[in-house]
């Protein structure tokens, strides 16, 4: 009877597979939301002034997705997964916080290049977690 209980208990890696899948989904949504922001800003700059409000809502969505990504990456780490998604998510969130406040204050000389850097960092994070996120 002891052997059957031990055989049914999942390994730490398999316990984290569901969390890994959800984390990958969150990272994907987060990256798509980041890439949508320059589209909204560009539409605003071409004269569609209502898009500034959409750009602001996008910033709020990215902040929420950033927090969710941190929580999921902590859960992934706790369930036996890799640690690097947490650090990448935290770094992204810190950059997004700076981006958010630079946008509110109108500091476009910081807002635009930081947005490009965040899009690159989110893309690298997405590719990395989809390629080898389940390895130690």
Protein backbone atom coordinates (compact mmCIF):
# COMPACT_ATOMS: atom_id res chain seq x y z
CA UNK A 1 0.00 0.00 0.00
CA UNK A 2 2.90 2.36 0.64
CA UNK A 3 4.21 1.83 -2.91
CA UNK A 4 0.91 2.90 -4.51
CA UNK A 5 0.82 6.16 -2.56
CA UNK A 6 4.40 6.97 -3.55
CA UNK A 7 3.65 6.11 -7.18
CA UNK A 8 0.73 8.55 -7.30
CA UNK A 9 2.60 11.51 -5.84
CA UNK A 10 3.74 13.75 -8.70
CA UNK A 11 7.31 14.93 -9.02
CA UNK A 12 8.06 18.61 -8.36
CA UNK A 13 8.56 19.17 -12.09
CA UNK A 14 5.21 17.68 -13.08
CA UNK A 15 3.45 19.59 -10.28
CA UNK A 16 4.64 22.82 -11.84
CA UNK A 17 3.57 22.04 -15.43
CA UNK A 18 0.09 23.53 -15.01
CA UNK A 19 1.54 26.63 -13.39
CA UNK A 20 4.10 26.81 -16.21
CA UNK A 21 1.33 26.73 -18.81
CA UNK A 22 -0.62 29.48 -17.07
CA UNK A 23 2.57 31.53 -16.65
CA UNK A 24 3.34 31.14 -20.36
CA UNK A 25 -0.17 32.37 -21.15
CA UNK A 26 0.23 35.39 -18.90
CA UNK A 27 3.64 36.23 -20.39
CA UNK A 28 2.10 35.99 -23.87
CA UNK A 29 -0.77 38.34 -22.98
CA UNK A 30 1.64 40.70 -21.28
CA UNK A 31 3.88 40.84 -24.36
CA UNK A 32 0.93 41.38 -26.72
CA UNK A 33 -0.33 44.22 -24.51
CA UNK A 34 3.11 45.84 -24.54
CA UNK A 35 3.25 45.64 -28.34
CA UNK A 36 -0.23 47.17 -28.63
CA UNK A 37 0.81 50.32 -26.77
CA UNK A 38 2.83 51.92 -29.61
CA UNK A 39 -0.10 51.27 -31.95
CA UNK A 40 -2.43 53.20 -29.65
CA UNK A 41 0.12 55.99 -29.25
CA UNK A 42 0.66 56.16 -32.99
CA UNK A 43 -3.06 56.44 -33.64
CA UNK A 44 -3.20 59.27 -31.10
CA UNK A 45 -0.32 61.06 -32.83
CA UNK A 46 -2.10 60.81 -36.19
CA UNK A 47 -5.09 62.72 -34.85
CA UNK A 48 -7.34 60.10 -33.24
CA UNK A 49 -7.33 61.81 -29.84
CA UNK A 50 -9.57 59.21 -28.19
CA UNK A 51 -6.70 56.73 -28.46
CA UNK A 52 -4.85 58.50 -25.65
CA UNK A 53 -7.46 57.13 -23.24
CA UNK A 54 -7.02 53.66 -24.76
CA UNK A 55 -3.25 54.04 -24.34
CA UNK A 56 -3.83 54.86 -20.66
CA UNK A 57 -6.10 51.83 -20.23
CA UNK A 58 -3.41 49.72 -21.90
CA UNK A 59 -0.90 50.98 -19.35
CA UNK A 60 -3.23 49.94 -16.53
CA UNK A 61 -3.71 46.51 -18.14
CA UNK A 62 0.05 46.05 -18.51
CA UNK A 63 0.52 46.91 -14.84
CA UNK A 64 -2.08 44.31 -13.81
CA UNK A 65 -0.54 41.69 -16.09
CA UNK A 66 2.90 42.52 -14.68
CA UNK A 67 1.70 41.88 -11.13
CA UNK A 68 -0.03 38.66 -12.23
CA UNK A 69 3.16 37.53 -13.98
CA UNK A 70 5.18 38.11 -10.81
CA UNK A 71 2.67 36.14 -8.72
CA UNK A 72 2.63 33.27 -11.22
CA UNK A 73 6.41 33.19 -11.46
CA UNK A 74 6.66 33.01 -7.66
CA UNK A 75 4.18 30.15 -7.72
CA UNK A 76 6.17 28.44 -10.48
CA UNK A 77 9.37 28.80 -8.46
CA UNK A 78 7.62 27.49 -5.33
CA UNK A 79 6.24 24.46 -7.24
CA UNK A 80 9.72 23.37 -8.28
CA UNK A 81 10.19 25.34 -11.50
CA UNK A 82 12.93 27.69 -12.52
CA UNK A 83 13.78 30.90 -10.72
CA UNK A 84 14.66 33.18 -13.61
CA UNK A 85 11.03 33.99 -14.62
CA UNK A 86 10.57 35.70 -11.27
CA UNK A 87 13.60 37.92 -11.74
CA UNK A 88 12.68 38.69 -15.36
CA UNK A 89 9.10 39.52 -14.31
CA UNK A 90 10.28 41.73 -11.48
CA UNK A 91 12.67 43.59 -13.77
CA UNK A 92 9.91 44.08 -16.34
CA UNK A 93 7.53 45.36 -13.68
CA UNK A 94 10.07 47.84 -12.36
CA UNK A 95 10.69 49.11 -15.88
CA UNK A 96 6.96 49.34 -16.52
CA UNK A 97 6.50 51.34 -13.33
CA UNK A 98 9.09 53.84 -14.55
CA UNK A 99 7.41 53.82 -17.95
CA UNK A 100 4.01 54.50 -16.40
CA UNK A 101 5.19 57.50 -14.42
CA UNK A 102 7.28 58.86 -17.29
CA UNK A 103 4.15 58.77 -19.45
CA UNK A 104 2.04 60.51 -16.81
CA UNK A 105 4.60 63.27 -16.43
CA UNK A 106 4.99 63.68 -20.21
CA UNK A 107 8.69 62.79 -20.22
CA UNK A 108 8.67 61.41 -23.77
CA UNK A 109 12.47 61.46 -23.95
CA UNK A 110 12.39 58.64 -21.36
CA UNK A 111 8.98 57.16 -22.18
CA UNK A 112 9.70 56.20 -25.81
CA UNK A 113 13.13 54.51 -25.45
CA UNK A 114 12.05 52.75 -22.27
CA UNK A 115 9.01 51.44 -24.15
CA UNK A 116 11.28 50.00 -26.82
CA UNK A 117 13.48 48.38 -24.17
CA UNK A 118 10.43 46.89 -22.44
CA UNK A 119 9.13 45.46 -25.72
CA UNK A 120 12.51 43.81 -26.33
CA UNK A 121 12.72 42.49 -22.75
CA UNK A 122 9.16 41.12 -22.88
CA UNK A 123 9.91 39.41 -26.21
CA UNK A 124 13.05 37.78 -24.84
CA UNK A 125 11.15 36.64 -21.75
CA UNK A 126 8.38 35.17 -23.90
CA UNK A 127 10.74 33.27 -26.17
CA UNK A 128 12.81 32.02 -23.24
CA UNK A 129 9.86 30.76 -21.18
CA UNK A 130 8.33 29.04 -24.20
CA UNK A 131 11.62 27.38 -25.18
CA UNK A 132 13.03 26.15 -21.90
CA UNK A 133 10.85 27.31 -19.03
CA UNK A 134 10.46 23.83 -17.60
CA UNK A 135 14.18 23.15 -17.15
CA UNK A 136 16.04 23.80 -13.94
